[in-house]
Amino acid sequence: MEKSIFGIGLFLGAVAIRHGFDSGCRKAELLAINDSDLYHSKLVRFYTRIGFKAVYEVTGSSIGDSAHQLVWGGVGTRMDASIEELLFKWCSRFKPKTDLL
């Protein structure tokens, strides 16, 4: 595998998205964890750029956040994306490039 600016983390995410699609899932969910304001804002921008949309802010300040914190393990911005849209938008990044001579 040639070096990528995306790194292994994004590759594993792409594999998980494809597995979800093959398993019949239609929606991908994640939590942009809020460990620090600077890093959190970078995560939200990055995930928005790749196709996720913010759906809920888990702050831990309400009893309703308890379930989110149990599932996600922290506070932050809950984000969703259509798996089909992610695959359509990003599939060309993961296809091998062939040289036509």
PDB file of N, CA and C in Angstrom:
ATOM      1  N   MET A   1       0.846  -1.170   0.000  1.00  0.00           N
ATOM      2  CA  MET A   1       0.000   0.000   0.000  1.00  0.00           C
ATOM      3  C   MET A   1       0.894   1.237   0.000  1.00  0.00           C
ATOM      4  N   GLU A   2       0.649   2.141  -0.909  1.00  0.00           N
ATOM      5  CA  GLU A   2       1.467   3.347  -0.941  1.00  0.00           C
ATOM      6  C   GLU A   2       1.043   4.297   0.167  1.00  0.00           C
ATOM      7  N   LYS A   3       1.951   5.208   0.531  1.00  0.00           N
ATOM      8  CA  LYS A   3       1.663   6.146   1.622  1.00  0.00           C
ATOM      9  C   LYS A   3       0.485   7.038   1.244  1.00  0.00           C
ATOM     10  N   SER A   4      -0.294   7.352   2.255  1.00  0.00           N
ATOM     11  CA  SER A   4      -1.481   8.165   2.048  1.00  0.00           C
ATOM     12  C   SER A   4      -1.516   9.271   3.093  1.00  0.00           C
ATOM     13  N   ILE A   5      -2.044  10.432   2.707  1.00  0.00           N
ATOM     14  CA  ILE A   5      -2.213  11.501   3.680  1.00  0.00           C
ATOM     15  C   ILE A   5      -3.340  11.158   4.647  1.00  0.00           C
ATOM     16  N   PHE A   6      -4.179  10.196   4.290  1.00  0.00           N
ATOM     17  CA  PHE A   6      -5.313   9.841   5.126  1.00  0.00           C
ATOM     18  C   PHE A   6      -4.910   8.982   6.316  1.00  0.00           C
ATOM     19  N   GLY A   7      -3.885   8.175   6.188  1.00  0.00           N
ATOM     20  CA  GLY A   7      -3.451   7.327   7.278  1.00  0.00           C
ATOM     21  C   GLY A   7      -4.302   6.091   7.444  1.00  0.00           C
ATOM     22  N   ILE A   8      -3.875   5.237   8.333  1.00  0.00           N
ATOM     23  CA  ILE A   8      -4.539   3.954   8.543  1.00  0.00           C
ATOM     24  C   ILE A   8      -5.907   4.125   9.192  1.00  0.00           C
ATOM     25  N   GLY A   9      -6.088   5.158  10.010  1.00  0.00           N
ATOM     26  CA  GLY A   9      -7.372   5.378  10.669  1.00  0.00           C
ATOM     27  C   GLY A   9      -8.508   5.573   9.686  1.00  0.00           C
ATOM     28  N   LEU A  10      -8.280   6.396   8.674  1.00  0.00           N
ATOM     29  CA  LEU A  10      -9.323   6.634   7.681  1.00  0.00           C
ATOM     30  C   LEU A  10      -9.555   5.389   6.829  1.00  0.00           C
ATOM     31  N   PHE A  11      -8.489   4.644   6.553  1.00  0.00           N
ATOM     32  CA  PHE A  11      -8.638   3.399   5.807  1.00  0.00           C
ATOM     33  C   PHE A  11      -9.523   2.420   6.576  1.00  0.00           C
ATOM     34  N   LEU A  12      -9.276   2.276   7.884  1.00  0.00           N
ATOM     35  CA  LEU A  12     -10.108   1.392   8.709  1.00  0.00           C
ATOM     36  C   LEU A  12     -11.553   1.883   8.757  1.00  0.00           C
ATOM     37  N   GLY A  13     -11.737   3.197   8.783  1.00  0.00           N
ATOM     38  CA  GLY A  13     -13.083   3.760   8.730  1.00  0.00           C
ATOM     39  C   GLY A  13     -13.785   3.411   7.431  1.00  0.00           C
ATOM     40  N   ALA A  14     -13.040   3.473   6.328  1.00  0.00           N
ATOM     41  CA  ALA A  14     -13.615   3.122   5.024  1.00  0.00           C
ATOM     42  C   ALA A  14     -14.013   1.648   4.978  1.00  0.00           C
ATOM     43  N   VAL A  15     -13.183   0.797   5.557  1.00  0.00           N
ATOM     44  CA  VAL A  15     -13.506  -0.636   5.615  1.00  0.00           C
ATOM     45  C   VAL A  15     -14.766  -0.850   6.449  1.00  0.00           C
ATOM     46  N   ALA A  16     -14.888  -0.140   7.559  1.00  0.00           N
ATOM     47  CA  ALA A  16     -16.075  -0.258   8.415  1.00  0.00           C
ATOM     48  C   ALA A  16     -17.329   0.226   7.687  1.00  0.00           C
ATOM     49  N   ILE A  17     -17.199   1.319   6.935  1.00  0.00           N
ATOM     50  CA  ILE A  17     -18.330   1.841   6.161  1.00  0.00           C
ATOM     51  C   ILE A  17     -18.764   0.812   5.116  1.00  0.00           C
ATOM     52  N   ARG A  18     -17.793   0.217   4.425  1.00  0.00           N
ATOM     53  CA  ARG A  18     -18.120  -0.791   3.413  1.00  0.00           C
ATOM     54  C   ARG A  18     -18.770  -2.023   4.052  1.00  0.00           C
ATOM     55  N   HIS A  19     -18.255  -2.439   5.196  1.00  0.00           N
ATOM     56  CA  HIS A  19     -18.843  -3.578   5.906  1.00  0.00           C
ATOM     57  C   HIS A  19     -20.289  -3.257   6.311  1.00  0.00           C
ATOM     58  N   GLY A  20     -20.510  -2.048   6.789  1.00  0.00           N
ATOM     59  CA  GLY A  20     -21.874  -1.632   7.132  1.00  0.00           C
ATOM     60  C   GLY A  20     -22.795  -1.687   5.933  1.00  0.00           C
ATOM     61  N   PHE A  21     -22.317  -1.207   4.797  1.00  0.00           N
ATOM     62  CA  PHE A  21     -23.115  -1.240   3.569  1.00  0.00           C
ATOM     63  C   PHE A  21     -23.436  -2.677   3.174  1.00  0.00           C
ATOM     64  N   ASP A  22     -22.416  -3.537   3.205  1.00  0.00           N
ATOM     65  CA  ASP A  22     -22.629  -4.952   2.846  1.00  0.00           C
ATOM     66  C   ASP A  22     -23.575  -5.650   3.810  1.00  0.00           C
ATOM     67  N   SER A  23     -23.662  -5.157   5.040  1.00  0.00           N
ATOM     68  CA  SER A  23     -24.529  -5.752   6.059  1.00  0.00           C
ATOM     69  C   SER A  23     -25.942  -5.156   6.055  1.00  0.00           C
ATOM     70  N   GLY A  24     -26.192  -4.210   5.162  1.00  0.00           N
ATOM     71  CA  GLY A  24     -27.528  -3.633   5.047  1.00  0.00           C
ATOM     72  C   GLY A  24     -27.748  -2.353   5.836  1.00  0.00           C
ATOM     73  N   CYS A  25     -26.708  -1.814   6.432  1.00  0.00           N
ATOM     74  CA  CYS A  25     -26.843  -0.554   7.174  1.00  0.00           C
ATOM     75  C   CYS A  25     -26.991   0.598   6.187  1.00  0.00           C
ATOM     76  N   ARG A  26     -27.723   1.609   6.578  1.00  0.00           N
ATOM     77  CA  ARG A  26     -27.916   2.780   5.725  1.00  0.00           C
ATOM     78  C   ARG A  26     -27.324   4.050   6.324  1.00  0.00           C
ATOM     79  N   LYS A  27     -27.033   4.017   7.644  1.00  0.00           N
ATOM     80  CA  LYS A  27     -26.566   5.227   8.317  1.00  0.00           C
ATOM     81  C   LYS A  27     -25.320   4.910   9.137  1.00  0.00           C
ATOM     82  N   ALA A  28     -24.319   5.790   9.035  1.00  0.00           N
ATOM     83  CA  ALA A  28     -23.117   5.703   9.869  1.00  0.00           C
ATOM     84  C   ALA A  28     -23.253   6.748  10.972  1.00  0.00           C
ATOM     85  N   GLU A  29     -22.874   6.375  12.184  1.00  0.00           N
ATOM     86  CA  GLU A  29     -22.941   7.276  13.326  1.00  0.00           C
ATOM     87  C   GLU A  29     -21.580   7.335  14.002  1.00  0.00           C
ATOM     88  N   LEU A  30     -21.223   8.507  14.518  1.00  0.00           N
ATOM     89  CA  LEU A  30     -19.972   8.642  15.281  1.00  0.00           C
ATOM     90  C   LEU A  30     -20.102   9.774  16.276  1.00  0.00           C
ATOM     91  N   LEU A  31     -19.141   9.831  17.182  1.00  0.00           N
ATOM     92  CA  LEU A  31     -19.069  10.927  18.140  1.00  0.00           C
ATOM     93  C   LEU A  31     -17.739  11.636  17.947  1.00  0.00           C
ATOM     94  N   ALA A  32     -17.812  12.920  17.620  1.00  0.00           N
ATOM     95  CA  ALA A  32     -16.606  13.746  17.586  1.00  0.00           C
ATOM     96  C   ALA A  32     -16.351  14.125  19.036  1.00  0.00           C
ATOM     97  N   ILE A  33     -15.455  13.401  19.666  1.00  0.00           N
ATOM     98  CA  ILE A  33     -15.221  13.526  21.107  1.00  0.00           C
ATOM     99  C   ILE A  33     -14.731  14.930  21.451  1.00  0.00           C
ATOM    100  N   ASN A  34     -15.152  15.429  22.594  1.00  0.00           N
ATOM    101  CA  ASN A  34     -14.768  16.779  23.015  1.00  0.00           C
ATOM    102  C   ASN A  34     -13.781  16.687  24.182  1.00  0.00           C
ATOM    103  N   ASP A  35     -12.535  16.383  23.859  1.00  0.00           N
ATOM    104  CA  ASP A  35     -11.476  16.359  24.858  1.00  0.00           C
ATOM    105  C   ASP A  35     -10.944  17.761  25.132  1.00  0.00           C
ATOM    106  N   SER A  36     -10.869  18.569  24.076  1.00  0.00           N
ATOM    107  CA  SER A  36     -10.467  19.971  24.197  1.00  0.00           C
ATOM    108  C   SER A  36     -11.185  20.754  23.104  1.00  0.00           C
ATOM    109  N   ASP A  37     -11.415  22.031  23.342  1.00  0.00           N
ATOM    110  CA  ASP A  37     -12.156  22.842  22.375  1.00  0.00           C
ATOM    111  C   ASP A  37     -11.478  22.865  21.012  1.00  0.00           C
ATOM    112  N   LEU A  38     -10.162  23.012  20.984  1.00  0.00           N
ATOM    113  CA  LEU A  38      -9.434  23.097  19.721  1.00  0.00           C
ATOM    114  C   LEU A  38      -9.533  21.787  18.937  1.00  0.00           C
ATOM    115  N   TYR A  39      -9.249  20.689  19.593  1.00  0.00           N
ATOM    116  CA  TYR A  39      -9.282  19.401  18.896  1.00  0.00           C
ATOM    117  C   TYR A  39     -10.702  19.036  18.491  1.00  0.00           C
ATOM    118  N   HIS A  40     -11.679  19.348  19.323  1.00  0.00           N
ATOM    119  CA  HIS A  40     -13.073  19.049  19.007  1.00  0.00           C
ATOM    120  C   HIS A  40     -13.524  19.793  17.757  1.00  0.00           C
ATOM    121  N   SER A  41     -13.199  21.065  17.670  1.00  0.00           N
ATOM    122  CA  SER A  41     -13.610  21.840  16.490  1.00  0.00           C
ATOM    123  C   SER A  41     -12.945  21.305  15.223  1.00  0.00           C
ATOM    124  N   LYS A  42     -11.702  20.826  15.338  1.00  0.00           N
ATOM    125  CA  LYS A  42     -11.028  20.230  14.183  1.00  0.00           C
ATOM    126  C   LYS A  42     -11.706  18.930  13.767  1.00  0.00           C
ATOM    127  N   LEU A  43     -12.094  18.116  14.747  1.00  0.00           N
ATOM    128  CA  LEU A  43     -12.788  16.860  14.440  1.00  0.00           C
ATOM    129  C   LEU A  43     -14.120  17.123  13.742  1.00  0.00           C
ATOM    130  N   VAL A  44     -14.892  18.057  14.273  1.00  0.00           N
ATOM    131  CA  VAL A  44     -16.199  18.368  13.680  1.00  0.00           C
ATOM    132  C   VAL A  44     -16.016  18.872  12.252  1.00  0.00           C
ATOM    133  N   ARG A  45     -15.050  19.742  12.013  1.00  0.00           N
ATOM    134  CA  ARG A  45     -14.787  20.239  10.653  1.00  0.00           C
ATOM    135  C   ARG A  45     -14.387  19.098   9.725  1.00  0.00           C
ATOM    136  N   PHE A  46     -13.507  18.215  10.203  1.00  0.00           N
ATOM    137  CA  PHE A  46     -13.046  17.102   9.385  1.00  0.00           C
ATOM    138  C   PHE A  46     -14.201  16.172   9.028  1.00  0.00           C
ATOM    139  N   TYR A  47     -14.987  15.762  10.026  1.00  0.00           N
ATOM    140  CA  TYR A  47     -16.090  14.845   9.753  1.00  0.00           C
ATOM    141  C   TYR A  47     -17.162  15.494   8.884  1.00  0.00           C
ATOM    142  N   THR A  48     -17.389  16.784   9.049  1.00  0.00           N
ATOM    143  CA  THR A  48     -18.334  17.492   8.184  1.00  0.00           C
ATOM    144  C   THR A  48     -17.826  17.493   6.752  1.00  0.00           C
ATOM    145  N   ARG A  49     -16.548  17.712   6.601  1.00  0.00           N
ATOM    146  CA  ARG A  49     -15.946  17.746   5.261  1.00  0.00           C
ATOM    147  C   ARG A  49     -16.076  16.409   4.540  1.00  0.00           C
ATOM    148  N   ILE A  50     -15.978  15.302   5.288  1.00  0.00           N
ATOM    149  CA  ILE A  50     -16.071  14.012   4.608  1.00  0.00           C
ATOM    150  C   ILE A  50     -17.515  13.535   4.432  1.00  0.00           C
ATOM    151  N   GLY A  51     -18.489  14.269   4.999  1.00  0.00           N
ATOM    152  CA  GLY A  51     -19.883  13.946   4.703  1.00  0.00           C
ATOM    153  C   GLY A  51     -20.811  13.731   5.884  1.00  0.00           C
ATOM    154  N   PHE A  52     -20.327  13.897   7.103  1.00  0.00           N
ATOM    155  CA  PHE A  52     -21.174  13.723   8.274  1.00  0.00           C
ATOM    156  C   PHE A  52     -21.863  15.031   8.632  1.00  0.00           C
ATOM    157  N   LYS A  53     -23.025  14.907   9.293  1.00  0.00           N
ATOM    158  CA  LYS A  53     -23.775  16.081   9.748  1.00  0.00           C
ATOM    159  C   LYS A  53     -24.000  15.968  11.251  1.00  0.00           C
ATOM    160  N   ALA A  54     -23.837  17.082  11.952  1.00  0.00           N
ATOM    161  CA  ALA A  54     -24.066  17.110  13.403  1.00  0.00           C
ATOM    162  C   ALA A  54     -25.557  16.908  13.665  1.00  0.00           C
ATOM    163  N   VAL A  55     -25.880  16.011  14.623  1.00  0.00           N
ATOM    164  CA  VAL A  55     -27.284  15.759  14.949  1.00  0.00           C
ATOM    165  C   VAL A  55     -27.606  16.010  16.424  1.00  0.00           C
ATOM    166  N   TYR A  56     -26.595  15.967  17.289  1.00  0.00           N
ATOM    167  CA  TYR A  56     -26.875  16.140  18.716  1.00  0.00           C
ATOM    168  C   TYR A  56     -25.584  16.477  19.451  1.00  0.00           C
ATOM    169  N   GLU A  57     -25.687  17.379  20.401  1.00  0.00           N
ATOM    170  CA  GLU A  57     -24.538  17.742  21.229  1.00  0.00           C
ATOM    171  C   GLU A  57     -24.663  17.021  22.570  1.00  0.00           C
ATOM    172  N   VAL A  58     -23.786  16.066  22.822  1.00  0.00           N
ATOM    173  CA  VAL A  58     -23.768  15.324  24.077  1.00  0.00           C
ATOM    174  C   VAL A  58     -22.901  16.112  25.056  1.00  0.00           C
ATOM    175  N   THR A  59     -23.550  16.690  26.065  1.00  0.00           N
ATOM    176  CA  THR A  59     -22.814  17.534  27.010  1.00  0.00           C
ATOM    177  C   THR A  59     -22.690  16.898  28.388  1.00  0.00           C
ATOM    178  N   GLY A  60     -23.525  15.926  28.668  1.00  0.00           N
ATOM    179  CA  GLY A  60     -23.510  15.309  29.982  1.00  0.00           C
ATOM    180  C   GLY A  60     -24.287  16.094  31.015  1.00  0.00           C
ATOM    181  N   SER A  61     -24.991  17.135  30.592  1.00  0.00           N
ATOM    182  CA  SER A  61     -25.699  17.995  31.537  1.00  0.00           C
ATOM    183  C   SER A  61     -27.146  17.580  31.774  1.00  0.00           C
ATOM    184  N   SER A  62     -27.618  16.565  31.055  1.00  0.00           N
ATOM    185  CA  SER A  62     -28.999  16.119  31.251  1.00  0.00           C
ATOM    186  C   SER A  62     -29.027  14.607  31.427  1.00  0.00           C
ATOM    187  N   ILE A  63     -30.106  14.124  32.005  1.00  0.00           N
ATOM    188  CA  ILE A  63     -30.248  12.685  32.216  1.00  0.00           C
ATOM    189  C   ILE A  63     -30.337  11.948  30.869  1.00  0.00           C
ATOM    190  N   GLY A  64     -30.856  12.616  29.859  1.00  0.00           N
ATOM    191  CA  GLY A  64     -30.945  12.024  28.520  1.00  0.00           C
ATOM    192  C   GLY A  64     -29.586  11.760  27.894  1.00  0.00           C
ATOM    193  N   ASP A  65     -28.572  12.487  28.343  1.00  0.00           N
ATOM    194  CA  ASP A  65     -27.217  12.286  27.813  1.00  0.00           C
ATOM    195  C   ASP A  65     -26.556  11.023  28.368  1.00  0.00           C
ATOM    196  N   SER A  66     -27.115  10.483  29.446  1.00  0.00           N
ATOM    197  CA  SER A  66     -26.514   9.292  30.066  1.00  0.00           C
ATOM    198  C   SER A  66     -26.416   8.133  29.085  1.00  0.00           C
ATOM    199  N   ALA A  67     -27.467   7.906  28.319  1.00  0.00           N
ATOM    200  CA  ALA A  67     -27.455   6.818  27.335  1.00  0.00           C
ATOM    201  C   ALA A  67     -26.386   7.060  26.267  1.00  0.00           C
ATOM    202  N   HIS A  68     -26.298   8.300  25.793  1.00  0.00           N
ATOM    203  CA  HIS A  68     -25.269   8.636  24.805  1.00  0.00           C
ATOM    204  C   HIS A  68     -23.870   8.405  25.371  1.00  0.00           C
ATOM    205  N   GLN A  69     -23.667   8.799  26.611  1.00  0.00           N
ATOM    206  CA  GLN A  69     -22.353   8.640  27.222  1.00  0.00           C
ATOM    207  C   GLN A  69     -22.002   7.167  27.431  1.00  0.00           C
ATOM    208  N   LEU A  70     -22.998   6.345  27.736  1.00  0.00           N
ATOM    209  CA  LEU A  70     -22.743   4.914  27.868  1.00  0.00           C
ATOM    210  C   LEU A  70     -22.359   4.292  26.531  1.00  0.00           C
ATOM    211  N   VAL A  71     -23.042   4.696  25.472  1.00  0.00           N
ATOM    212  CA  VAL A  71     -22.756   4.148  24.142  1.00  0.00           C
ATOM    213  C   VAL A  71     -21.431   4.670  23.611  1.00  0.00           C
ATOM    214  N   TRP A  72     -21.218   5.985  23.710  1.00  0.00           N
ATOM    215  CA  TRP A  72     -20.077   6.614  23.054  1.00  0.00           C
ATOM    216  C   TRP A  72     -18.874   6.816  23.969  1.00  0.00           C
ATOM    217  N   GLY A  73     -19.065   6.755  25.246  1.00  0.00           N
ATOM    218  CA  GLY A  73     -17.946   6.849  26.174  1.00  0.00           C
ATOM    219  C   GLY A  73     -17.442   8.241  26.460  1.00  0.00           C
ATOM    220  N   GLY A  74     -18.243   9.254  26.185  1.00  0.00           N
ATOM    221  CA  GLY A  74     -17.796  10.605  26.473  1.00  0.00           C
ATOM    222  C   GLY A  74     -18.783  11.645  26.005  1.00  0.00           C
ATOM    223  N   VAL A  75     -18.325  12.889  25.982  1.00  0.00           N
ATOM    224  CA  VAL A  75     -19.140  14.000  25.497  1.00  0.00           C
ATOM    225  C   VAL A  75     -18.565  14.491  24.173  1.00  0.00           C
ATOM    226  N   GLY A  76     -19.421  15.130  23.391  1.00  0.00           N
ATOM    227  CA  GLY A  76     -18.986  15.640  22.097  1.00  0.00           C
ATOM    228  C   GLY A  76     -20.164  15.846  21.164  1.00  0.00           C
ATOM    229  N   THR A  77     -19.904  15.859  19.888  1.00  0.00           N
ATOM    230  CA  THR A  77     -20.930  16.082  18.877  1.00  0.00           C
ATOM    231  C   THR A  77     -21.262  14.779  18.177  1.00  0.00           C
ATOM    232  N   ARG A  78     -22.531  14.334  18.302  1.00  0.00           N
ATOM    233  CA  ARG A  78     -22.986  13.138  17.596  1.00  0.00           C
ATOM    234  C   ARG A  78     -23.218  13.514  16.148  1.00  0.00           C
ATOM    235  N   MET A  79     -22.691  12.704  15.241  1.00  0.00           N
ATOM    236  CA  MET A  79     -22.781  12.999  13.822  1.00  0.00           C
ATOM    237  C   MET A  79     -23.239  11.758  13.064  1.00  0.00           C
ATOM    238  N   ASP A  80     -24.031  11.979  12.007  1.00  0.00           N
ATOM    239  CA  ASP A  80     -24.541  10.902  11.164  1.00  0.00           C
ATOM    240  C   ASP A  80     -24.215  11.191   9.707  1.00  0.00           C
ATOM    241  N   ALA A  81     -24.170  10.106   8.907  1.00  0.00           N
ATOM    242  CA  ALA A  81     -23.995  10.241   7.460  1.00  0.00           C
ATOM    243  C   ALA A  81     -24.668   9.066   6.775  1.00  0.00           C
ATOM    244  N   SER A  82     -25.124   9.283   5.573  1.00  0.00           N
ATOM    245  CA  SER A  82     -25.657   8.210   4.746  1.00  0.00           C
ATOM    246  C   SER A  82     -24.480   7.383   4.231  1.00  0.00           C
ATOM    247  N   ILE A  83     -24.517   6.085   4.480  1.00  0.00           N
ATOM    248  CA  ILE A  83     -23.428   5.218   4.030  1.00  0.00           C
ATOM    249  C   ILE A  83     -23.310   5.242   2.510  1.00  0.00           C
ATOM    250  N   GLU A  84     -24.435   5.220   1.833  1.00  0.00           N
ATOM    251  CA  GLU A  84     -24.414   5.235   0.367  1.00  0.00           C
ATOM    252  C   GLU A  84     -23.765   6.513  -0.164  1.00  0.00           C
ATOM    253  N   GLU A  85     -24.088   7.648   0.442  1.00  0.00           N
ATOM    254  CA  GLU A  85     -23.486   8.915   0.014  1.00  0.00           C
ATOM    255  C   GLU A  85     -21.983   8.946   0.295  1.00  0.00           C
ATOM    256  N   LEU A  86     -21.566   8.399   1.433  1.00  0.00           N
ATOM    257  CA  LEU A  86     -20.134   8.336   1.742  1.00  0.00           C
ATOM    258  C   LEU A  86     -19.394   7.488   0.713  1.00  0.00           C
ATOM    259  N   LEU A  87     -19.955   6.333   0.389  1.00  0.00           N
ATOM    260  CA  LEU A  87     -19.300   5.460  -0.586  1.00  0.00           C
ATOM    261  C   LEU A  87     -19.214   6.119  -1.960  1.00  0.00           C
ATOM    262  N   PHE A  88     -20.295   6.771  -2.360  1.00  0.00           N
ATOM    263  CA  PHE A  88     -20.302   7.434  -3.666  1.00  0.00           C
ATOM    264  C   PHE A  88     -19.272   8.565  -3.710  1.00  0.00           C
ATOM    265  N   LYS A  89     -19.203   9.344  -2.625  1.00  0.00           N
ATOM    266  CA  LYS A  89     -18.305  10.504  -2.584  1.00  0.00           C
ATOM    267  C   LYS A  89     -16.833  10.098  -2.527  1.00  0.00           C
ATOM    268  N   TRP A  90     -16.508   9.019  -1.794  1.00  0.00           N
ATOM    269  CA  TRP A  90     -15.123   8.701  -1.502  1.00  0.00           C
ATOM    270  C   TRP A  90     -14.581   7.450  -2.173  1.00  0.00           C
ATOM    271  N   CYS A  91     -15.383   6.708  -2.929  1.00  0.00           N
ATOM    272  CA  CYS A  91     -14.894   5.439  -3.475  1.00  0.00           C
ATOM    273  C   CYS A  91     -13.688   5.623  -4.398  1.00  0.00           C
ATOM    274  N   SER A  92     -13.625   6.709  -5.132  1.00  0.00           N
ATOM    275  CA  SER A  92     -12.503   6.903  -6.054  1.00  0.00           C
ATOM    276  C   SER A  92     -11.176   7.084  -5.317  1.00  0.00           C
ATOM    277  N   ARG A  93     -11.202   7.524  -4.059  1.00  0.00           N
ATOM    278  CA  ARG A  93      -9.972   7.702  -3.276  1.00  0.00           C
ATOM    279  C   ARG A  93      -9.334   6.378  -2.898  1.00  0.00           C
ATOM    280  N   PHE A  94     -10.138   5.318  -2.885  1.00  0.00           N
ATOM    281  CA  PHE A  94      -9.635   4.025  -2.435  1.00  0.00           C
ATOM    282  C   PHE A  94      -9.454   3.027  -3.569  1.00  0.00           C
ATOM    283  N   LYS A  95      -9.748   3.437  -4.790  1.00  0.00           N
ATOM    284  CA  LYS A  95      -9.529   2.572  -5.940  1.00  0.00           C
ATOM    285  C   LYS A  95      -8.073   2.702  -6.381  1.00  0.00           C
ATOM    286  N   PRO A  96      -7.457   1.597  -6.792  1.00  0.00           N
ATOM    287  CA  PRO A  96      -6.079   1.700  -7.292  1.00  0.00           C
ATOM    288  C   PRO A  96      -6.055   2.488  -8.605  1.00  0.00           C
ATOM    289  N   LYS A  97      -5.039   3.284  -8.729  1.00  0.00           N
ATOM    290  CA  LYS A  97      -4.881   4.071  -9.973  1.00  0.00           C
ATOM    291  C   LYS A  97      -4.015   3.254 -10.926  1.00  0.00           C
ATOM    292  N   THR A  98      -4.468   3.155 -12.149  1.00  0.00           N
ATOM    293  CA  THR A  98      -3.707   2.417 -13.160  1.00  0.00           C
ATOM    294  C   THR A  98      -3.099   3.414 -14.128  1.00  0.00           C
ATOM    295  N   ASP A  99      -1.881   3.123 -14.501  1.00  0.00           N
ATOM    296  CA  ASP A  99      -1.201   3.968 -15.476  1.00  0.00           C
ATOM    297  C   ASP A  99      -1.479   3.418 -16.869  1.00  0.00           C
ATOM    298  N   LEU A 100      -1.980   4.281 -17.711  1.00  0.00           N
ATOM    299  CA  LEU A 100      -2.235   3.896 -19.099  1.00  0.00           C
ATOM    300  C   LEU A 100      -1.074   4.381 -19.939  1.00  0.00           C
ATOM    301  N   LEU A 101      -0.320   3.463 -20.477  1.00  0.00           N
ATOM    302  CA  LEU A 101       0.835   3.836 -21.287  1.00  0.00           C
ATOM    303  C   LEU A 101       0.566   3.644 -22.744  1.00  0.00           C
TER     304      LEU A 101
END
